[in-house]
Amino acid sequence: MNRRQGNQDSDGRVGTAALPPHLLRLFAPRPPLPYAKPLDRDPGKKDEPRLMPVSQYLDMCKNHDTDYVPTLSIAERKKQKLEERDRKAQEALKTGLEAWDPNKDEKVVGDPYKTLHISRLQSYECTEKDLRREFQMYGPIENVRVVKDPEGKPRGYAFIEFEREKDMKAAYKDADGIKVLGRRIVVDVERGRTVKGWRPKRLGKVP
């Protein structure tokens, strides 16, 4: 039996004693860590903080602030803000419906059955002169009005009244989608004074 065979374990594996010295050094135990004295006191002599129950103080917390109002969570504040916005929108819609009546508007003139509604205009650039130039090819025009807000800024739509109803119908069929100042417009008949119960989109869905 040679030396290698003599260092085999019972299960046939070679023991560490058969390893060369440079590998045996890897299995040598390291020296123990040096003892370091605690900075304050030894663990055995140190007073640890004691945890005490607080149930005995619960009665003192009852009715301590009767005017306390708990703060709202982020989800509750968001819900409250949405409800407030919807409420204001409903109030504005109700006020707008009560005030909107084209038959009583002094700025709304002319025959509604000879009038076109033009929308999607270049709000701050398109003028009555531009619209008259584009639509006079369909027939004589009685009146052109670009609608403006209370501050005098155009709102992006206008009304064109023709002298003859047949000219209005021709423009209604042919002019929808033409470009005015580089932007395609939408042409429709005036519905505020001709269709019962009709209302603009800004005041809700059309019945």
C-alpha atoms as a PDB file:
ATOM      1  CA  MET A   1       0.000   0.000   0.000  1.00  0.00           C
ATOM      2  CA  ASN A   2       1.495   3.301  -1.053  1.00  0.00           C
ATOM      3  CA  ARG A   3       1.255   6.639   0.805  1.00  0.00           C
ATOM      4  CA  ARG A   4      -1.671   7.915  -1.282  1.00  0.00           C
ATOM      5  CA  GLN A   5      -3.687   4.795  -0.601  1.00  0.00           C
ATOM      6  CA  GLY A   6      -2.868   5.000   3.115  1.00  0.00           C
ATOM      7  CA  ASN A   7      -4.399   8.478   3.416  1.00  0.00           C
ATOM      8  CA  GLN A   8      -7.739   7.528   1.867  1.00  0.00           C
ATOM      9  CA  ASP A   9     -10.897   7.754   4.004  1.00  0.00           C
ATOM     10  CA  SER A  10     -13.269   4.879   4.464  1.00  0.00           C
ATOM     11  CA  ASP A  11     -15.415   6.129   1.616  1.00  0.00           C
ATOM     12  CA  GLY A  12     -12.461   6.188  -0.784  1.00  0.00           C
ATOM     13  CA  ARG A  13     -11.790   9.929  -0.759  1.00  0.00           C
ATOM     14  CA  VAL A  14      -8.282  11.267  -0.274  1.00  0.00           C
ATOM     15  CA  GLY A  15      -7.756  13.116   3.091  1.00  0.00           C
ATOM     16  CA  THR A  16      -6.341  16.601   3.530  1.00  0.00           C
ATOM     17  CA  ALA A  17      -3.122  15.132   4.900  1.00  0.00           C
ATOM     18  CA  ALA A  18      -2.255  14.070   1.368  1.00  0.00           C
ATOM     19  CA  LEU A  19      -2.348  17.658   0.109  1.00  0.00           C
ATOM     20  CA  PRO A  20       0.874  19.517  -0.543  1.00  0.00           C
ATOM     21  CA  PRO A  21       1.974  22.158   2.040  1.00  0.00           C
ATOM     22  CA  HIS A  22       0.925  25.200  -0.010  1.00  0.00           C
ATOM     23  CA  LEU A  23      -2.622  23.874  -0.125  1.00  0.00           C
ATOM     24  CA  LEU A  24      -2.683  22.756   3.504  1.00  0.00           C
ATOM     25  CA  ARG A  25      -2.037  26.347   4.532  1.00  0.00           C
ATOM     26  CA  LEU A  26      -5.404  27.259   3.078  1.00  0.00           C
ATOM     27  CA  PHE A  27      -7.131  24.983   5.632  1.00  0.00           C
ATOM     28  CA  ALA A  28      -5.212  26.259   8.632  1.00  0.00           C
ATOM     29  CA  PRO A  29      -7.396  28.108  11.187  1.00  0.00           C
ATOM     30  CA  ARG A  30      -6.946  31.816  11.470  1.00  0.00           C
ATOM     31  CA  PRO A  31      -5.897  33.371  14.754  1.00  0.00           C
ATOM     32  CA  PRO A  32      -8.753  34.440  17.052  1.00  0.00           C
ATOM     33  CA  LEU A  33      -9.922  38.030  16.960  1.00  0.00           C
ATOM     34  CA  PRO A  34      -8.428  40.222  19.655  1.00  0.00           C
ATOM     35  CA  TYR A  35     -10.771  41.258  22.466  1.00  0.00           C
ATOM     36  CA  ALA A  36     -11.813  44.895  22.348  1.00  0.00           C
ATOM     37  CA  LYS A  37     -13.214  46.440  25.483  1.00  0.00           C
ATOM     38  CA  PRO A  38     -16.584  48.251  24.992  1.00  0.00           C
ATOM     39  CA  LEU A  39     -16.373  51.995  24.783  1.00  0.00           C
ATOM     40  CA  ASP A  40     -18.964  52.633  27.501  1.00  0.00           C
ATOM     41  CA  ARG A  41     -19.655  49.595  29.713  1.00  0.00           C
ATOM     42  CA  ASP A  42     -19.474  45.829  29.482  1.00  0.00           C
ATOM     43  CA  PRO A  43     -22.635  44.210  28.098  1.00  0.00           C
ATOM     44  CA  GLY A  44     -23.288  42.446  31.374  1.00  0.00           C
ATOM     45  CA  LYS A  45     -23.176  45.672  33.363  1.00  0.00           C
ATOM     46  CA  LYS A  46     -25.069  47.793  30.880  1.00  0.00           C
ATOM     47  CA  ASP A  47     -28.623  48.933  31.721  1.00  0.00           C
ATOM     48  CA  GLU A  48     -30.826  48.204  28.715  1.00  0.00           C
ATOM     49  CA  PRO A  49     -33.929  50.371  28.082  1.00  0.00           C
ATOM     50  CA  ARG A  50     -37.127  48.789  29.266  1.00  0.00           C
ATOM     51  CA  LEU A  51     -40.204  48.668  27.055  1.00  0.00           C
ATOM     52  CA  MET A  52     -43.349  49.612  28.948  1.00  0.00           C
ATOM     53  CA  PRO A  53     -46.958  49.309  27.732  1.00  0.00           C
ATOM     54  CA  VAL A  54     -48.955  52.454  27.016  1.00  0.00           C
ATOM     55  CA  SER A  55     -52.423  51.009  27.538  1.00  0.00           C
ATOM     56  CA  GLN A  56     -52.638  52.691  30.919  1.00  0.00           C
ATOM     57  CA  TYR A  57     -52.547  56.096  29.193  1.00  0.00           C
ATOM     58  CA  LEU A  58     -55.371  55.470  26.701  1.00  0.00           C
ATOM     59  CA  ASP A  59     -58.015  56.977  28.963  1.00  0.00           C
ATOM     60  CA  MET A  60     -56.023  60.208  29.036  1.00  0.00           C
ATOM     61  CA  CYS A  61     -56.241  60.463  25.220  1.00  0.00           C
ATOM     62  CA  LYS A  62     -60.011  60.266  25.044  1.00  0.00           C
ATOM     63  CA  ASN A  63     -61.797  63.545  24.256  1.00  0.00           C
ATOM     64  CA  HIS A  64     -58.526  65.453  24.397  1.00  0.00           C
ATOM     65  CA  ASP A  65     -59.470  67.593  21.336  1.00  0.00           C
ATOM     66  CA  THR A  66     -63.149  67.677  20.458  1.00  0.00           C
ATOM     67  CA  ASP A  67     -62.549  70.165  17.602  1.00  0.00           C
ATOM     68  CA  TYR A  68     -60.002  67.958  15.836  1.00  0.00           C
ATOM     69  CA  VAL A  69     -60.708  67.402  12.142  1.00  0.00           C
ATOM     70  CA  PRO A  70     -58.695  64.594  10.536  1.00  0.00           C
ATOM     71  CA  THR A  71     -56.797  65.558   7.383  1.00  0.00           C
ATOM     72  CA  LEU A  72     -57.923  64.115   4.078  1.00  0.00           C
ATOM     73  CA  SER A  73     -55.865  61.510   2.283  1.00  0.00           C
ATOM     74  CA  ILE A  74     -54.455  62.105  -1.184  1.00  0.00           C
ATOM     75  CA  ALA A  75     -57.236  60.024  -2.757  1.00  0.00           C
ATOM     76  CA  GLU A  76     -59.911  61.918  -0.796  1.00  0.00           C
ATOM     77  CA  ARG A  77     -58.464  65.317  -1.785  1.00  0.00           C
ATOM     78  CA  LYS A  78     -58.367  64.245  -5.419  1.00  0.00           C
ATOM     79  CA  LYS A  79     -61.975  63.069  -5.275  1.00  0.00           C
ATOM     80  CA  GLN A  80     -63.022  66.315  -3.588  1.00  0.00           C
ATOM     81  CA  LYS A  81     -61.276  68.372  -6.275  1.00  0.00           C
ATOM     82  CA  LEU A  82     -62.977  66.419  -9.079  1.00  0.00           C
ATOM     83  CA  GLU A  83     -66.382  66.833  -7.447  1.00  0.00           C
ATOM     84  CA  GLU A  84     -65.801  70.570  -7.059  1.00  0.00           C
ATOM     85  CA  ARG A  85     -64.775  70.891 -10.699  1.00  0.00           C
ATOM     86  CA  ASP A  86     -67.852  68.960 -11.859  1.00  0.00           C
ATOM     87  CA  ARG A  87     -70.097  71.121  -9.688  1.00  0.00           C
ATOM     88  CA  LYS A  88     -68.680  74.334 -11.164  1.00  0.00           C
ATOM     89  CA  ALA A  89     -69.027  72.931 -14.677  1.00  0.00           C
ATOM     90  CA  GLN A  90     -72.680  72.072 -14.050  1.00  0.00           C
ATOM     91  CA  GLU A  91     -73.348  75.542 -12.645  1.00  0.00           C
ATOM     92  CA  ALA A  92     -71.661  77.179 -15.642  1.00  0.00           C
ATOM     93  CA  LEU A  93     -73.665  74.973 -18.002  1.00  0.00           C
ATOM     94  CA  LYS A  94     -76.923  75.853 -16.267  1.00  0.00           C
ATOM     95  CA  THR A  95     -76.108  79.575 -16.349  1.00  0.00           C
ATOM     96  CA  GLY A  96     -75.118  79.367 -20.019  1.00  0.00           C
ATOM     97  CA  LEU A  97     -78.334  77.589 -20.989  1.00  0.00           C
ATOM     98  CA  GLU A  98     -80.416  80.187 -19.177  1.00  0.00           C
ATOM     99  CA  ALA A  99     -78.601  83.066 -20.866  1.00  0.00           C
ATOM    100  CA  TRP A 100     -78.325  81.541 -24.366  1.00  0.00           C
ATOM    101  CA  ASP A 101     -81.129  82.598 -26.686  1.00  0.00           C
ATOM    102  CA  PRO A 102     -80.121  83.548 -30.257  1.00  0.00           C
ATOM    103  CA  ASN A 103     -83.576  84.999 -30.917  1.00  0.00           C
ATOM    104  CA  LYS A 104     -82.967  87.641 -28.240  1.00  0.00           C
ATOM    105  CA  ASP A 105     -79.340  88.409 -29.142  1.00  0.00           C
ATOM    106  CA  GLU A 106     -79.143  91.867 -30.711  1.00  0.00           C
ATOM    107  CA  LYS A 107     -76.010  90.855 -32.626  1.00  0.00           C
ATOM    108  CA  VAL A 108     -77.831  88.005 -34.383  1.00  0.00           C
ATOM    109  CA  VAL A 109     -79.530  89.577 -37.397  1.00  0.00           C
ATOM    110  CA  GLY A 110     -80.743  88.532 -40.811  1.00  0.00           C
ATOM    111  CA  ASP A 111     -82.700  85.604 -42.169  1.00  0.00           C
ATOM    112  CA  PRO A 112     -81.544  82.340 -40.529  1.00  0.00           C
ATOM    113  CA  TYR A 113     -82.622  80.321 -43.596  1.00  0.00           C
ATOM    114  CA  LYS A 114     -80.118  82.246 -45.707  1.00  0.00           C
ATOM    115  CA  THR A 115     -77.270  82.040 -43.207  1.00  0.00           C
ATOM    116  CA  LEU A 116     -74.284  79.682 -43.022  1.00  0.00           C
ATOM    117  CA  HIS A 117     -72.317  78.772 -39.909  1.00  0.00           C
ATOM    118  CA  ILE A 118     -68.542  78.651 -40.506  1.00  0.00           C
ATOM    119  CA  SER A 119     -66.286  77.029 -37.874  1.00  0.00           C
ATOM    120  CA  ARG A 120     -62.620  76.066 -37.362  1.00  0.00           C
ATOM    121  CA  LEU A 121     -61.323  79.398 -38.591  1.00  0.00           C
ATOM    122  CA  GLN A 122     -57.883  80.803 -37.900  1.00  0.00           C
ATOM    123  CA  SER A 123     -59.109  82.465 -34.709  1.00  0.00           C
ATOM    124  CA  TYR A 124     -56.881  85.521 -34.638  1.00  0.00           C
ATOM    125  CA  GLU A 125     -56.307  86.053 -38.347  1.00  0.00           C
ATOM    126  CA  CYS A 126     -59.488  85.446 -40.340  1.00  0.00           C
ATOM    127  CA  THR A 127     -61.606  88.572 -40.957  1.00  0.00           C
ATOM    128  CA  GLU A 128     -64.982  89.348 -42.525  1.00  0.00           C
ATOM    129  CA  LYS A 129     -63.131  90.494 -45.631  1.00  0.00           C
ATOM    130  CA  ASP A 130     -61.418  87.102 -46.002  1.00  0.00           C
ATOM    131  CA  LEU A 131     -64.704  85.222 -45.698  1.00  0.00           C
ATOM    132  CA  ARG A 132     -66.502  87.520 -48.114  1.00  0.00           C
ATOM    133  CA  ARG A 133     -63.748  86.986 -50.678  1.00  0.00           C
ATOM    134  CA  GLU A 134     -64.019  83.181 -50.390  1.00  0.00           C
ATOM    135  CA  PHE A 135     -67.837  82.903 -50.459  1.00  0.00           C
ATOM    136  CA  GLN A 136     -68.950  85.668 -52.815  1.00  0.00           C
ATOM    137  CA  MET A 137     -68.440  83.236 -55.709  1.00  0.00           C
ATOM    138  CA  TYR A 138     -71.671  81.482 -54.644  1.00  0.00           C
ATOM    139  CA  GLY A 139     -73.781  84.638 -54.816  1.00  0.00           C
ATOM    140  CA  PRO A 140     -74.343  88.112 -53.353  1.00  0.00           C
ATOM    141  CA  ILE A 141     -73.638  88.310 -49.616  1.00  0.00           C
ATOM    142  CA  GLU A 142     -75.813  90.380 -47.309  1.00  0.00           C
ATOM    143  CA  ASN A 143     -73.792  90.221 -44.110  1.00  0.00           C
ATOM    144  CA  VAL A 144     -70.684  88.562 -42.602  1.00  0.00           C
ATOM    145  CA  ARG A 145     -70.072  88.383 -38.851  1.00  0.00           C
ATOM    146  CA  VAL A 146     -67.037  86.891 -37.124  1.00  0.00           C
ATOM    147  CA  VAL A 147     -68.089  86.036 -33.560  1.00  0.00           C
ATOM    148  CA  LYS A 148     -65.901  87.544 -30.822  1.00  0.00           C
ATOM    149  CA  ASP A 149     -65.689  87.136 -27.059  1.00  0.00           C
ATOM    150  CA  PRO A 150     -66.385  89.978 -24.596  1.00  0.00           C
ATOM    151  CA  GLU A 151     -62.726  91.030 -24.835  1.00  0.00           C
ATOM    152  CA  GLY A 152     -62.975  91.451 -28.606  1.00  0.00           C
ATOM    153  CA  LYS A 153     -60.983  88.354 -29.628  1.00  0.00           C
ATOM    154  CA  PRO A 154     -62.373  86.164 -32.450  1.00  0.00           C
ATOM    155  CA  ARG A 155     -63.693  82.801 -31.234  1.00  0.00           C
ATOM    156  CA  GLY A 156     -62.972  80.816 -34.402  1.00  0.00           C
ATOM    157  CA  TYR A 157     -66.401  80.775 -36.055  1.00  0.00           C
ATOM    158  CA  ALA A 158     -68.591  83.119 -38.095  1.00  0.00           C
ATOM    159  CA  PHE A 159     -71.947  83.558 -39.834  1.00  0.00           C
ATOM    160  CA  ILE A 160     -72.470  84.459 -43.504  1.00  0.00           C
ATOM    161  CA  GLU A 161     -75.882  85.647 -44.698  1.00  0.00           C
ATOM    162  CA  PHE A 162     -76.604  85.464 -48.428  1.00  0.00           C
ATOM    163  CA  GLU A 163     -79.167  87.548 -50.265  1.00  0.00           C
ATOM    164  CA  ARG A 164     -80.770  84.417 -51.716  1.00  0.00           C
ATOM    165  CA  GLU A 165     -81.495  81.096 -50.045  1.00  0.00           C
ATOM    166  CA  LYS A 166     -80.430  79.079 -53.101  1.00  0.00           C
ATOM    167  CA  ASP A 167     -76.938  80.634 -52.928  1.00  0.00           C
ATOM    168  CA  MET A 168     -76.670  79.617 -49.279  1.00  0.00           C
ATOM    169  CA  LYS A 169     -77.636  76.030 -50.142  1.00  0.00           C
ATOM    170  CA  ALA A 170     -75.080  75.925 -52.955  1.00  0.00           C
ATOM    171  CA  ALA A 171     -72.325  77.107 -50.611  1.00  0.00           C
ATOM    172  CA  TYR A 172     -73.449  74.620 -47.951  1.00  0.00           C
ATOM    173  CA  LYS A 173     -73.108  71.694 -50.362  1.00  0.00           C
ATOM    174  CA  ASP A 174     -69.868  72.815 -52.014  1.00  0.00           C
ATOM    175  CA  ALA A 175     -67.763  74.802 -49.543  1.00  0.00           C
ATOM    176  CA  ASP A 176     -67.433  72.360 -46.649  1.00  0.00           C
ATOM    177  CA  GLY A 177     -63.744  71.502 -46.198  1.00  0.00           C
ATOM    178  CA  ILE A 178     -62.267  74.311 -48.304  1.00  0.00           C
ATOM    179  CA  LYS A 179     -59.191  76.087 -46.997  1.00  0.00           C
ATOM    180  CA  VAL A 180     -59.373  79.629 -45.641  1.00  0.00           C
ATOM    181  CA  LEU A 181     -55.981  81.096 -44.758  1.00  0.00           C
ATOM    182  CA  GLY A 182     -54.453  77.635 -45.038  1.00  0.00           C
ATOM    183  CA  ARG A 183     -56.885  75.842 -42.735  1.00  0.00           C
ATOM    184  CA  ARG A 184     -59.834  73.634 -43.681  1.00  0.00           C
ATOM    185  CA  ILE A 185     -63.153  74.937 -42.392  1.00  0.00           C
ATOM    186  CA  VAL A 186     -66.465  73.311 -41.506  1.00  0.00           C
ATOM    187  CA  VAL A 187     -69.597  74.702 -43.157  1.00  0.00           C
ATOM    188  CA  ASP A 188     -73.077  74.138 -41.747  1.00  0.00           C
ATOM    189  CA  VAL A 189     -76.460  75.818 -41.816  1.00  0.00           C
ATOM    190  CA  GLU A 190     -77.476  78.031 -38.907  1.00  0.00           C
ATOM    191  CA  ARG A 191     -79.299  75.784 -36.462  1.00  0.00           C
ATOM    192  CA  GLY A 192     -79.745  78.035 -33.420  1.00  0.00           C
ATOM    193  CA  ARG A 193     -82.811  79.766 -34.878  1.00  0.00           C
ATOM    194  CA  THR A 194     -84.002  77.046 -37.252  1.00  0.00           C
ATOM    195  CA  VAL A 195     -83.889  73.813 -35.191  1.00  0.00           C
ATOM    196  CA  LYS A 196     -86.121  73.685 -32.117  1.00  0.00           C
ATOM    197  CA  GLY A 197     -84.296  72.681 -28.938  1.00  0.00           C
ATOM    198  CA  TRP A 198     -80.874  72.857 -30.553  1.00  0.00           C
ATOM    199  CA  ARG A 199     -77.937  74.195 -28.532  1.00  0.00           C
ATOM    200  CA  PRO A 200     -74.197  74.605 -29.174  1.00  0.00           C
ATOM    201  CA  LYS A 201     -71.703  71.949 -28.083  1.00  0.00           C
ATOM    202  CA  ARG A 202     -70.217  74.198 -25.395  1.00  0.00           C
ATOM    203  CA  LEU A 203     -73.602  73.962 -23.615  1.00  0.00           C
ATOM    204  CA  GLY A 204     -73.838  70.188 -23.753  1.00  0.00           C
ATOM    205  CA  LYS A 205     -74.769  67.561 -26.289  1.00  0.00           C
ATOM    206  CA  VAL A 206     -77.207  68.477 -29.013  1.00  0.00           C
ATOM    207  CA  PRO A 207     -80.545  66.777 -28.347  1.00  0.00           C
END
